[in-house]
Amino acid sequence: MFRLEHLTKQFSDQFVLEDFSFDIQEGEKIIVSGRSGIGKTTLFRLLLGFEQPDSGKIYFENELLTEISVWNLRRRVAYVSQDLNIGRGNLQTFFNETLSLKANAEYKNSSLDELEELLNAFELPDTLLQKNIEELSGGEKQRVAIINALLLKRNIFFLDEITSALDKSLKSKVLDYFLLNPTFTVLSISHDNYLPAEAITRTLKLD
């Protein structure tokens, strides 16, 4: 699905990636590990075309990633950040606005039909929909961001520390949801030691 060939990326005098090559197959679950600042988030930004490598090439489904072809990739990927500043205002309106964007509009009705099911799956009451995002706890915001990504009906997920604000039970539930789904291709940055026993994963150690 992804092929990275001899990527080099540096900021000032510091190499984040140097002559880095890696393949990601459809349906794989990749755990990206390494100390803070080693380049984990930069790798995601390179794959999404928000950063350009200094040298090397990135292919998505055997097509070279360019300023034009990257739009096809972004329509296929859901990126969930650890950033809890997910928006403001009424939560139901937040979901509606996401699904009203041109790239997502075709899934709006079916996704909204699944919203209650997803809220239940991640232990959020449907009464939360009438609250403003500013009223939610950090853990609630994190689960809202996850649900928002799932509503997009995509099967490639870039997950950046998405369980940092969750307790142990919810961490397990979230990771089980993504790592045990055979149709998902997942790249997950995580410092959690938990992995589902049945999950088949590969670890990419950047340091």
N, C-alpha and C. Protein backbone atom coordinates (compact mmCIF):
# COMPACT_ATOMS: atom_id res chain seq x y z
N MET A 1 0.83 -1.21 0.00
CA MET A 1 0.00 0.00 0.00
C MET A 1 0.87 1.27 0.00
N PHE A 2 1.87 1.30 0.89
CA PHE A 2 2.85 2.38 0.92
C PHE A 2 4.24 1.80 0.68
N ARG A 3 5.04 2.54 -0.05
CA ARG A 3 6.45 2.18 -0.23
C ARG A 3 7.30 3.44 -0.07
N LEU A 4 8.21 3.41 0.86
CA LEU A 4 9.10 4.54 1.11
C LEU A 4 10.50 4.13 0.67
N GLU A 5 11.09 4.90 -0.20
CA GLU A 5 12.40 4.55 -0.77
C GLU A 5 13.43 5.61 -0.44
N HIS A 6 14.38 5.25 0.42
CA HIS A 6 15.57 6.06 0.70
C HIS A 6 15.22 7.50 1.11
N LEU A 7 14.26 7.62 2.02
CA LEU A 7 13.85 8.96 2.46
C LEU A 7 14.90 9.58 3.37
N THR A 8 15.17 10.85 3.13
CA THR A 8 16.00 11.65 4.04
C THR A 8 15.25 12.94 4.34
N LYS A 9 15.18 13.27 5.63
CA LYS A 9 14.55 14.50 6.06
C LYS A 9 15.32 15.06 7.23
N GLN A 10 15.72 16.34 7.11
CA GLN A 10 16.42 16.96 8.22
C GLN A 10 15.89 18.36 8.46
N PHE A 11 15.99 18.79 9.72
CA PHE A 11 15.66 20.14 10.11
C PHE A 11 16.92 20.76 10.69
N SER A 12 17.36 21.87 10.08
CA SER A 12 18.66 22.48 10.44
C SER A 12 19.74 21.42 10.25
N ASP A 13 20.49 21.11 11.31
CA ASP A 13 21.57 20.14 11.17
C ASP A 13 21.18 18.75 11.67
N GLN A 14 19.91 18.57 12.04
CA GLN A 14 19.48 17.31 12.63
C GLN A 14 18.71 16.47 11.61
N PHE A 15 19.21 15.25 11.40
CA PHE A 15 18.51 14.30 10.54
C PHE A 15 17.37 13.66 11.34
N VAL A 16 16.16 13.74 10.79
CA VAL A 16 15.03 13.04 11.38
C VAL A 16 14.94 11.64 10.78
N LEU A 17 15.07 11.56 9.47
CA LEU A 17 15.16 10.29 8.77
C LEU A 17 16.34 10.38 7.81
N GLU A 18 17.09 9.29 7.69
CA GLU A 18 18.24 9.29 6.79
C GLU A 18 18.30 7.96 6.04
N ASP A 19 18.15 8.04 4.70
CA ASP A 19 18.18 6.87 3.83
C ASP A 19 17.23 5.79 4.36
N PHE A 20 15.99 6.21 4.61
CA PHE A 20 14.99 5.36 5.27
C PHE A 20 14.08 4.71 4.24
N SER A 21 13.99 3.40 4.27
CA SER A 21 13.11 2.66 3.36
C SER A 21 12.20 1.74 4.17
N PHE A 22 10.95 1.63 3.74
CA PHE A 22 9.98 0.84 4.49
C PHE A 22 8.75 0.59 3.63
N ASP A 23 8.15 -0.59 3.77
CA ASP A 23 6.92 -0.93 3.06
C ASP A 23 5.80 -1.17 4.06
N ILE A 24 4.59 -0.79 3.70
CA ILE A 24 3.40 -1.05 4.51
C ILE A 24 2.39 -1.76 3.63
N GLN A 25 2.00 -2.95 4.05
CA GLN A 25 1.05 -3.74 3.28
C GLN A 25 -0.38 -3.45 3.71
N GLU A 26 -1.32 -3.64 2.81
CA GLU A 26 -2.73 -3.44 3.15
C GLU A 26 -3.13 -4.35 4.31
N GLY A 27 -3.81 -3.78 5.30
CA GLY A 27 -4.27 -4.55 6.45
C GLY A 27 -3.25 -4.68 7.57
N GLU A 28 -2.04 -4.19 7.36
CA GLU A 28 -1.02 -4.28 8.40
C GLU A 28 -1.31 -3.33 9.56
N LYS A 29 -0.80 -3.72 10.73
CA LYS A 29 -0.87 -2.88 11.92
C LYS A 29 0.57 -2.58 12.34
N ILE A 30 0.97 -1.34 12.16
CA ILE A 30 2.35 -0.92 12.44
C ILE A 30 2.37 -0.06 13.69
N ILE A 31 3.18 -0.44 14.69
CA ILE A 31 3.37 0.37 15.89
C ILE A 31 4.67 1.15 15.70
N VAL A 32 4.57 2.48 15.68
CA VAL A 32 5.74 3.34 15.48
C VAL A 32 6.24 3.79 16.85
N SER A 33 7.47 3.44 17.17
CA SER A 33 7.99 3.75 18.50
C SER A 33 9.29 4.55 18.39
N GLY A 34 9.67 5.13 19.50
CA GLY A 34 10.90 5.92 19.56
C GLY A 34 10.73 7.09 20.52
N ARG A 35 11.86 7.62 20.97
CA ARG A 35 11.81 8.70 21.95
C ARG A 35 11.22 9.97 21.34
N SER A 36 10.81 10.89 22.18
CA SER A 36 10.24 12.16 21.72
C SER A 36 11.23 12.89 20.84
N GLY A 37 10.74 13.42 19.72
CA GLY A 37 11.60 14.18 18.82
C GLY A 37 12.35 13.35 17.80
N ILE A 38 12.15 12.03 17.80
CA ILE A 38 12.90 11.16 16.91
C ILE A 38 12.37 11.21 15.48
N GLY A 39 11.11 11.65 15.29
CA GLY A 39 10.60 11.76 13.92
C GLY A 39 9.31 11.01 13.65
N LYS A 40 8.62 10.55 14.70
CA LYS A 40 7.42 9.75 14.51
C LYS A 40 6.31 10.56 13.82
N THR A 41 6.03 11.74 14.35
CA THR A 41 4.98 12.57 13.75
C THR A 41 5.42 13.10 12.39
N THR A 42 6.71 13.37 12.23
CA THR A 42 7.23 13.81 10.93
C THR A 42 6.99 12.74 9.87
N LEU A 43 7.12 11.48 10.25
CA LEU A 43 6.85 10.39 9.31
C LEU A 43 5.41 10.45 8.82
N PHE A 44 4.48 10.69 9.73
CA PHE A 44 3.07 10.82 9.33
C PHE A 44 2.89 12.00 8.38
N ARG A 45 3.53 13.12 8.70
CA ARG A 45 3.39 14.32 7.87
C ARG A 45 3.98 14.11 6.48
N LEU A 46 5.05 13.33 6.39
CA LEU A 46 5.62 13.00 5.08
C LEU A 46 4.67 12.12 4.28
N LEU A 47 4.08 11.14 4.94
CA LEU A 47 3.17 10.24 4.24
C LEU A 47 1.91 10.95 3.76
N LEU A 48 1.51 12.00 4.48
CA LEU A 48 0.32 12.76 4.10
C LEU A 48 0.64 13.95 3.19
N GLY A 49 1.92 14.15 2.88
CA GLY A 49 2.30 15.22 1.97
C GLY A 49 2.36 16.60 2.60
N PHE A 50 2.30 16.68 3.95
CA PHE A 50 2.39 17.98 4.61
C PHE A 50 3.85 18.41 4.81
N GLU A 51 4.76 17.45 4.69
CA GLU A 51 6.20 17.72 4.66
C GLU A 51 6.75 17.03 3.42
N GLN A 52 7.79 17.61 2.84
CA GLN A 52 8.44 17.01 1.69
C GLN A 52 9.80 16.44 2.09
N PRO A 53 10.15 15.24 1.64
CA PRO A 53 11.48 14.71 1.95
C PRO A 53 12.56 15.51 1.23
N ASP A 54 13.71 15.59 1.84
CA ASP A 54 14.84 16.24 1.17
C ASP A 54 15.34 15.38 0.01
N SER A 55 15.22 14.09 0.15
CA SER A 55 15.50 13.16 -0.95
C SER A 55 14.72 11.87 -0.70
N GLY A 56 14.60 11.07 -1.74
CA GLY A 56 13.84 9.84 -1.64
C GLY A 56 12.43 9.99 -2.20
N LYS A 57 11.71 8.89 -2.25
CA LYS A 57 10.37 8.87 -2.86
C LYS A 57 9.39 8.10 -1.99
N ILE A 58 8.13 8.52 -2.08
CA ILE A 58 7.03 7.84 -1.40
C ILE A 58 6.01 7.42 -2.45
N TYR A 59 5.59 6.16 -2.39
CA TYR A 59 4.57 5.65 -3.31
C TYR A 59 3.35 5.21 -2.51
N PHE A 60 2.18 5.51 -3.03
CA PHE A 60 0.92 5.02 -2.46
C PHE A 60 0.21 4.23 -3.53
N GLU A 61 -0.01 2.95 -3.25
CA GLU A 61 -0.58 2.02 -4.23
C GLU A 61 0.13 2.13 -5.57
N ASN A 62 1.46 2.11 -5.49
CA ASN A 62 2.37 2.10 -6.64
C ASN A 62 2.36 3.40 -7.45
N GLU A 63 1.74 4.45 -6.92
CA GLU A 63 1.75 5.75 -7.59
C GLU A 63 2.63 6.71 -6.79
N LEU A 64 3.54 7.37 -7.47
CA LEU A 64 4.43 8.31 -6.80
C LEU A 64 3.62 9.43 -6.16
N LEU A 65 3.94 9.73 -4.90
CA LEU A 65 3.23 10.78 -4.20
C LEU A 65 3.71 12.15 -4.69
N THR A 66 2.78 12.93 -5.23
CA THR A 66 3.07 14.26 -5.73
C THR A 66 2.04 15.24 -5.17
N GLU A 67 2.19 16.51 -5.50
CA GLU A 67 1.24 17.51 -5.03
C GLU A 67 -0.16 17.23 -5.56
N ILE A 68 -0.26 16.53 -6.68
CA ILE A 68 -1.57 16.20 -7.26
C ILE A 68 -2.09 14.88 -6.70
N SER A 69 -1.26 13.82 -6.72
CA SER A 69 -1.73 12.50 -6.30
C SER A 69 -1.99 12.42 -4.81
N VAL A 70 -1.41 13.33 -4.01
CA VAL A 70 -1.58 13.28 -2.56
C VAL A 70 -3.04 13.46 -2.16
N TRP A 71 -3.83 14.13 -3.01
CA TRP A 71 -5.24 14.34 -2.67
C TRP A 71 -6.01 13.04 -2.66
N ASN A 72 -5.64 12.11 -3.53
CA ASN A 72 -6.26 10.79 -3.52
C ASN A 72 -5.94 10.06 -2.22
N LEU A 73 -4.70 10.17 -1.76
CA LEU A 73 -4.30 9.54 -0.51
C LEU A 73 -5.06 10.13 0.67
N ARG A 74 -5.16 11.46 0.73
CA ARG A 74 -5.82 12.10 1.88
C ARG A 74 -7.30 11.76 1.96
N ARG A 75 -7.91 11.46 0.84
CA ARG A 75 -9.31 11.04 0.86
C ARG A 75 -9.48 9.62 1.39
N ARG A 76 -8.37 8.90 1.50
CA ARG A 76 -8.41 7.50 1.94
C ARG A 76 -7.95 7.32 3.39
N VAL A 77 -7.31 8.34 3.94
CA VAL A 77 -6.69 8.22 5.26
C VAL A 77 -7.45 9.05 6.29
N ALA A 78 -7.63 8.48 7.48
CA ALA A 78 -8.14 9.24 8.62
C ALA A 78 -6.99 9.42 9.61
N TYR A 79 -6.68 10.67 9.92
CA TYR A 79 -5.58 10.98 10.84
C TYR A 79 -6.17 11.45 12.15
N VAL A 80 -5.79 10.80 13.25
CA VAL A 80 -6.25 11.20 14.57
C VAL A 80 -5.04 11.65 15.38
N SER A 81 -5.06 12.90 15.78
CA SER A 81 -3.95 13.50 16.51
C SER A 81 -4.19 13.39 18.01
N GLN A 82 -3.13 13.57 18.78
CA GLN A 82 -3.26 13.64 20.24
C GLN A 82 -3.73 15.02 20.69
N ASP A 83 -3.81 15.96 19.77
CA ASP A 83 -4.25 17.32 20.09
C ASP A 83 -5.71 17.30 20.53
N LEU A 84 -5.98 17.82 21.71
CA LEU A 84 -7.34 17.82 22.25
C LEU A 84 -8.11 19.08 21.88
N ASN A 85 -7.50 19.99 21.14
CA ASN A 85 -8.21 21.18 20.66
C ASN A 85 -8.94 20.83 19.37
N ILE A 86 -10.04 20.10 19.51
CA ILE A 86 -10.72 19.55 18.33
C ILE A 86 -11.77 20.48 17.76
N GLY A 87 -12.10 21.55 18.45
CA GLY A 87 -13.10 22.48 17.94
C GLY A 87 -13.88 23.12 19.06
N ARG A 88 -14.92 23.85 18.68
CA ARG A 88 -15.76 24.54 19.66
C ARG A 88 -17.22 24.36 19.25
N GLY A 89 -18.10 24.62 20.21
CA GLY A 89 -19.52 24.58 19.90
C GLY A 89 -20.17 23.23 20.13
N ASN A 90 -21.41 23.11 19.72
CA ASN A 90 -22.23 21.92 19.94
C ASN A 90 -21.65 20.69 19.26
N LEU A 91 -21.64 19.57 19.99
CA LEU A 91 -21.00 18.35 19.48
C LEU A 91 -21.74 17.77 18.28
N GLN A 92 -23.07 17.74 18.31
CA GLN A 92 -23.82 17.23 17.17
C GLN A 92 -23.53 18.05 15.92
N THR A 93 -23.44 19.37 16.08
CA THR A 93 -23.12 20.25 14.95
C THR A 93 -21.71 19.96 14.43
N PHE A 94 -20.80 19.67 15.35
CA PHE A 94 -19.42 19.34 14.98
C PHE A 94 -19.38 18.12 14.04
N PHE A 95 -20.11 17.06 14.41
CA PHE A 95 -20.15 15.87 13.56
C PHE A 95 -20.82 16.18 12.22
N ASN A 96 -21.90 16.93 12.26
CA ASN A 96 -22.62 17.27 11.03
C ASN A 96 -21.73 18.05 10.07
N GLU A 97 -20.96 19.00 10.61
CA GLU A 97 -20.11 19.83 9.75
C GLU A 97 -19.00 19.00 9.12
N THR A 98 -18.43 18.07 9.88
CA THR A 98 -17.39 17.20 9.31
C THR A 98 -17.94 16.41 8.12
N LEU A 99 -19.14 15.88 8.28
CA LEU A 99 -19.72 15.03 7.25
C LEU A 99 -20.33 15.82 6.11
N SER A 100 -20.44 17.13 6.27
CA SER A 100 -20.97 17.98 5.19
C SER A 100 -19.88 18.45 4.24
N LEU A 101 -18.61 18.26 4.61
CA LEU A 101 -17.53 18.62 3.70
C LEU A 101 -17.62 17.80 2.42
N LYS A 102 -17.23 18.41 1.32
CA LYS A 102 -17.41 17.80 0.00
C LYS A 102 -16.87 16.37 -0.07
N ALA A 103 -15.69 16.15 0.50
CA ALA A 103 -15.05 14.83 0.40
C ALA A 103 -15.79 13.77 1.22
N ASN A 104 -16.62 14.20 2.18
CA ASN A 104 -17.27 13.25 3.09
C ASN A 104 -18.78 13.16 2.89
N ALA A 105 -19.35 14.04 2.09
CA ALA A 105 -20.81 14.20 2.03
C ALA A 105 -21.53 12.91 1.62
N GLU A 106 -20.90 12.08 0.78
CA GLU A 106 -21.57 10.88 0.30
C GLU A 106 -21.86 9.88 1.42
N TYR A 107 -21.12 10.01 2.55
CA TYR A 107 -21.31 9.07 3.66
C TYR A 107 -22.15 9.66 4.78
N LYS A 108 -22.64 10.89 4.61
CA LYS A 108 -23.25 11.60 5.74
C LYS A 108 -24.39 10.82 6.37
N ASN A 109 -25.36 10.39 5.59
CA ASN A 109 -26.54 9.73 6.17
C ASN A 109 -26.19 8.41 6.85
N SER A 110 -25.40 7.58 6.18
CA SER A 110 -25.06 6.28 6.77
C SER A 110 -24.18 6.44 8.00
N SER A 111 -23.29 7.44 7.98
CA SER A 111 -22.41 7.66 9.13
C SER A 111 -23.19 8.15 10.34
N LEU A 112 -24.12 9.07 10.13
CA LEU A 112 -24.91 9.57 11.24
C LEU A 112 -25.79 8.47 11.83
N ASP A 113 -26.21 7.51 10.99
CA ASP A 113 -26.98 6.37 11.48
C ASP A 113 -26.14 5.52 12.44
N GLU A 114 -24.82 5.52 12.25
CA GLU A 114 -23.93 4.70 13.07
C GLU A 114 -23.40 5.45 14.28
N LEU A 115 -23.73 6.72 14.40
CA LEU A 115 -23.15 7.55 15.45
C LEU A 115 -23.46 7.01 16.85
N GLU A 116 -24.70 6.64 17.10
CA GLU A 116 -25.08 6.14 18.42
C GLU A 116 -24.32 4.85 18.75
N GLU A 117 -24.16 3.99 17.75
CA GLU A 117 -23.42 2.74 17.96
C GLU A 117 -21.96 3.02 18.34
N LEU A 118 -21.34 4.00 17.69
CA LEU A 118 -19.96 4.35 18.01
C LEU A 118 -19.84 5.00 19.38
N LEU A 119 -20.79 5.83 19.72
CA LEU A 119 -20.79 6.41 21.07
C LEU A 119 -20.84 5.31 22.12
N ASN A 120 -21.70 4.33 21.91
CA ASN A 120 -21.80 3.20 22.85
C ASN A 120 -20.50 2.40 22.89
N ALA A 121 -19.89 2.20 21.73
CA ALA A 121 -18.66 1.40 21.65
C ALA A 121 -17.54 2.01 22.47
N PHE A 122 -17.53 3.34 22.54
CA PHE A 122 -16.46 4.02 23.27
C PHE A 122 -16.96 4.66 24.58
N GLU A 123 -18.08 4.12 25.06
CA GLU A 123 -18.60 4.46 26.39
C GLU A 123 -18.88 5.96 26.55
N LEU A 124 -19.57 6.52 25.57
CA LEU A 124 -20.02 7.90 25.65
C LEU A 124 -21.54 7.92 25.54
N PRO A 125 -22.24 8.63 26.42
CA PRO A 125 -23.70 8.70 26.34
C PRO A 125 -24.15 9.58 25.18
N ASP A 126 -25.30 9.25 24.58
CA ASP A 126 -25.77 10.07 23.46
C ASP A 126 -26.20 11.46 23.90
N THR A 127 -26.42 11.66 25.21
CA THR A 127 -26.74 13.00 25.71
C THR A 127 -25.58 13.96 25.52
N LEU A 128 -24.39 13.40 25.31
CA LEU A 128 -23.20 14.24 25.09
C LEU A 128 -23.33 15.09 23.83
N LEU A 129 -24.14 14.62 22.88
CA LEU A 129 -24.30 15.32 21.60
C LEU A 129 -24.86 16.73 21.78
N GLN A 130 -25.57 16.96 22.88
CA GLN A 130 -26.15 18.28 23.11
C GLN A 130 -25.22 19.21 23.89
N LYS A 131 -24.05 18.70 24.26
CA LYS A 131 -23.09 19.53 24.99
C LYS A 131 -22.18 20.28 24.02
N ASN A 132 -21.55 21.33 24.54
CA ASN A 132 -20.51 22.01 23.78
C ASN A 132 -19.19 21.31 24.01
N ILE A 133 -18.34 21.31 22.99
CA ILE A 133 -17.05 20.63 23.07
C ILE A 133 -16.22 21.17 24.24
N GLU A 134 -16.34 22.46 24.52
CA GLU A 134 -15.57 23.07 25.60
C GLU A 134 -15.90 22.47 26.97
N GLU A 135 -17.06 21.84 27.08
CA GLU A 135 -17.49 21.25 28.36
C GLU A 135 -16.96 19.83 28.56
N LEU A 136 -16.39 19.23 27.53
CA LEU A 136 -15.97 17.84 27.61
C LEU A 136 -14.63 17.70 28.31
N SER A 137 -14.43 16.55 28.95
CA SER A 137 -13.14 16.24 29.56
C SER A 137 -12.13 15.88 28.46
N GLY A 138 -10.86 15.78 28.84
CA GLY A 138 -9.83 15.39 27.87
C GLY A 138 -10.09 14.02 27.28
N GLY A 139 -10.49 13.07 28.12
CA GLY A 139 -10.78 11.72 27.63
C GLY A 139 -11.97 11.68 26.70
N GLU A 140 -12.99 12.50 27.00
CA GLU A 140 -14.16 12.56 26.12
C GLU A 140 -13.78 13.17 24.77
N LYS A 141 -12.99 14.22 24.78
CA LYS A 141 -12.55 14.84 23.52
C LYS A 141 -11.75 13.85 22.68
N GLN A 142 -10.91 13.07 23.34
CA GLN A 142 -10.09 12.11 22.60
C GLN A 142 -10.98 11.07 21.91
N ARG A 143 -11.99 10.60 22.61
CA ARG A 143 -12.90 9.61 22.01
C ARG A 143 -13.77 10.24 20.92
N VAL A 144 -14.14 11.50 21.09
CA VAL A 144 -14.89 12.20 20.05
C VAL A 144 -14.05 12.30 18.77
N ALA A 145 -12.76 12.60 18.91
CA ALA A 145 -11.88 12.68 17.74
C ALA A 145 -11.79 11.32 17.04
N ILE A 146 -11.75 10.25 17.82
CA ILE A 146 -11.70 8.90 17.24
C ILE A 146 -12.98 8.60 16.48
N ILE A 147 -14.12 8.89 17.09
CA ILE A 147 -15.42 8.66 16.44
C ILE A 147 -15.53 9.49 15.17
N ASN A 148 -15.08 10.73 15.24
CA ASN A 148 -15.14 11.61 14.07
C ASN A 148 -14.37 11.00 12.89
N ALA A 149 -13.22 10.40 13.19
CA ALA A 149 -12.42 9.75 12.14
C ALA A 149 -13.13 8.53 11.59
N LEU A 150 -13.77 7.75 12.46
CA LEU A 150 -14.45 6.53 12.01
C LEU A 150 -15.67 6.85 11.16
N LEU A 151 -16.31 7.98 11.41
CA LEU A 151 -17.49 8.37 10.62
C LEU A 151 -17.14 8.64 9.15
N LEU A 152 -15.84 8.86 8.87
CA LEU A 152 -15.42 9.18 7.51
C LEU A 152 -15.38 7.95 6.60
N LYS A 153 -15.58 6.76 7.19
CA LYS A 153 -15.65 5.52 6.40
C LYS A 153 -14.35 5.22 5.66
N ARG A 154 -13.25 5.51 6.30
CA ARG A 154 -11.95 5.22 5.68
C ARG A 154 -11.36 3.97 6.31
N ASN A 155 -10.41 3.36 5.62
CA ASN A 155 -9.84 2.12 6.17
C ASN A 155 -8.34 2.21 6.40
N ILE A 156 -7.78 3.41 6.27
CA ILE A 156 -6.37 3.64 6.61
C ILE A 156 -6.35 4.66 7.74
N PHE A 157 -5.70 4.31 8.85
CA PHE A 157 -5.71 5.18 10.02
C PHE A 157 -4.28 5.49 10.47
N PHE A 158 -3.99 6.79 10.62
CA PHE A 158 -2.76 7.24 11.24
C PHE A 158 -3.15 7.75 12.63
N LEU A 159 -2.70 7.06 13.65
CA LEU A 159 -3.11 7.34 15.02
C LEU A 159 -1.91 7.83 15.82
N ASP A 160 -2.00 9.06 16.33
CA ASP A 160 -0.87 9.68 17.02
C ASP A 160 -1.21 9.85 18.50
N GLU A 161 -0.79 8.88 19.31
CA GLU A 161 -1.00 8.92 20.77
C GLU A 161 -2.47 9.15 21.12
N ILE A 162 -3.35 8.36 20.55
CA ILE A 162 -4.79 8.62 20.70
C ILE A 162 -5.38 8.09 22.00
N THR A 163 -4.55 7.46 22.85
CA THR A 163 -5.08 6.97 24.13
C THR A 163 -4.43 7.67 25.31
N SER A 164 -3.73 8.76 25.07
CA SER A 164 -2.95 9.42 26.14
C SER A 164 -3.82 9.95 27.27
N ALA A 165 -5.09 10.29 26.99
CA ALA A 165 -5.98 10.86 28.01
C ALA A 165 -6.98 9.84 28.55
N LEU A 166 -6.78 8.56 28.23
CA LEU A 166 -7.76 7.53 28.61
C LEU A 166 -7.24 6.65 29.74
N ASP A 167 -8.18 6.09 30.51
CA ASP A 167 -7.78 5.16 31.56
C ASP A 167 -7.47 3.80 30.93
N LYS A 168 -6.96 2.88 31.76
CA LYS A 168 -6.46 1.60 31.24
C LYS A 168 -7.53 0.83 30.48
N SER A 169 -8.74 0.79 31.01
CA SER A 169 -9.82 0.03 30.37
C SER A 169 -10.16 0.60 28.99
N LEU A 170 -10.25 1.92 28.90
CA LEU A 170 -10.59 2.55 27.63
C LEU A 170 -9.44 2.46 26.63
N LYS A 171 -8.20 2.55 27.12
CA LYS A 171 -7.04 2.35 26.22
C LYS A 171 -7.17 0.99 25.51
N SER A 172 -7.46 -0.05 26.31
CA SER A 172 -7.58 -1.39 25.74
C SER A 172 -8.71 -1.45 24.72
N LYS A 173 -9.83 -0.85 25.05
CA LYS A 173 -10.99 -0.89 24.15
C LYS A 173 -10.68 -0.21 22.82
N VAL A 174 -10.04 0.94 22.88
CA VAL A 174 -9.70 1.67 21.66
C VAL A 174 -8.70 0.90 20.81
N LEU A 175 -7.64 0.40 21.43
CA LEU A 175 -6.62 -0.32 20.68
C LEU A 175 -7.16 -1.62 20.11
N ASP A 176 -8.02 -2.31 20.87
CA ASP A 176 -8.67 -3.52 20.33
C ASP A 176 -9.46 -3.18 19.07
N TYR A 177 -10.18 -2.06 19.11
CA TYR A 177 -11.05 -1.68 17.99
C TYR A 177 -10.25 -1.53 16.70
N PHE A 178 -9.09 -0.91 16.79
CA PHE A 178 -8.30 -0.65 15.58
C PHE A 178 -7.39 -1.83 15.21
N LEU A 179 -6.76 -2.43 16.19
CA LEU A 179 -5.73 -3.43 15.88
C LEU A 179 -6.29 -4.81 15.58
N LEU A 180 -7.57 -5.03 15.90
CA LEU A 180 -8.17 -6.34 15.62
C LEU A 180 -9.12 -6.32 14.42
N ASN A 181 -9.22 -5.17 13.76
CA ASN A 181 -10.08 -5.09 12.57
C ASN A 181 -9.25 -5.44 11.33
N PRO A 182 -9.53 -6.57 10.68
CA PRO A 182 -8.69 -7.00 9.56
C PRO A 182 -8.76 -6.08 8.34
N THR A 183 -9.80 -5.25 8.24
CA THR A 183 -9.93 -4.38 7.07
C THR A 183 -9.18 -3.06 7.24
N PHE A 184 -8.70 -2.77 8.45
CA PHE A 184 -7.99 -1.52 8.70
C PHE A 184 -6.50 -1.68 8.46
N THR A 185 -5.91 -0.69 7.81
CA THR A 185 -4.46 -0.53 7.78
C THR A 185 -4.13 0.57 8.79
N VAL A 186 -3.27 0.25 9.76
CA VAL A 186 -3.08 1.16 10.90
C VAL A 186 -1.60 1.44 11.13
N LEU A 187 -1.27 2.73 11.23
CA LEU A 187 0.01 3.17 11.75
C LEU A 187 -0.29 3.88 13.06
N SER A 188 0.27 3.38 14.15
CA SER A 188 -0.07 3.90 15.47
C SER A 188 1.19 4.31 16.22
N ILE A 189 1.26 5.59 16.58
CA ILE A 189 2.29 6.07 17.49
C ILE A 189 1.73 5.91 18.89
N SER A 190 2.42 5.15 19.73
CA SER A 190 1.91 4.91 21.07
C SER A 190 3.04 4.55 22.02
N HIS A 191 2.92 5.07 23.25
CA HIS A 191 3.85 4.67 24.30
C HIS A 191 3.22 3.63 25.23
N ASP A 192 2.00 3.23 24.92
CA ASP A 192 1.34 2.21 25.74
C ASP A 192 1.98 0.85 25.49
N ASN A 193 2.11 0.07 26.55
CA ASN A 193 2.67 -1.27 26.41
C ASN A 193 1.61 -2.29 25.99
N TYR A 194 0.34 -1.90 26.12
CA TYR A 194 -0.73 -2.86 25.83
C TYR A 194 -0.86 -3.14 24.34
N LEU A 195 -0.98 -4.42 24.02
CA LEU A 195 -1.37 -4.86 22.68
C LEU A 195 -2.33 -6.03 22.85
N PRO A 196 -3.41 -6.09 22.06
CA PRO A 196 -4.31 -7.24 22.15
C PRO A 196 -3.53 -8.52 21.85
N ALA A 197 -3.81 -9.57 22.62
CA ALA A 197 -3.06 -10.82 22.46
C ALA A 197 -3.21 -11.39 21.05
N GLU A 198 -4.39 -11.16 20.44
CA GLU A 198 -4.65 -11.74 19.11
C GLU A 198 -4.13 -10.86 17.97
N ALA A 199 -3.66 -9.66 18.29
CA ALA A 199 -3.25 -8.73 17.24
C ALA A 199 -1.92 -9.16 16.62
N ILE A 200 -1.85 -9.02 15.30
CA ILE A 200 -0.59 -9.27 14.58
C ILE A 200 -0.06 -7.89 14.18
N THR A 201 1.05 -7.51 14.79
CA THR A 201 1.60 -6.17 14.57
C THR A 201 3.07 -6.25 14.20
N ARG A 202 3.54 -5.17 13.60
CA ARG A 202 4.97 -4.95 13.39
C ARG A 202 5.36 -3.68 14.10
N THR A 203 6.53 -3.65 14.68
CA THR A 203 7.00 -2.45 15.37
C THR A 203 8.10 -1.80 14.55
N LEU A 204 7.93 -0.51 14.29
CA LEU A 204 8.93 0.27 13.59
C LEU A 204 9.63 1.14 14.63
N LYS A 205 10.87 0.80 14.96
CA LYS A 205 11.63 1.51 15.99
C LYS A 205 12.52 2.55 15.32
N LEU A 206 12.12 3.80 15.41
CA LEU A 206 12.85 4.84 14.68
C LEU A 206 14.19 5.18 15.34
N ASP A 207 14.36 4.82 16.61
CA ASP A 207 15.67 5.07 17.23
C ASP A 207 16.48 3.79 17.38
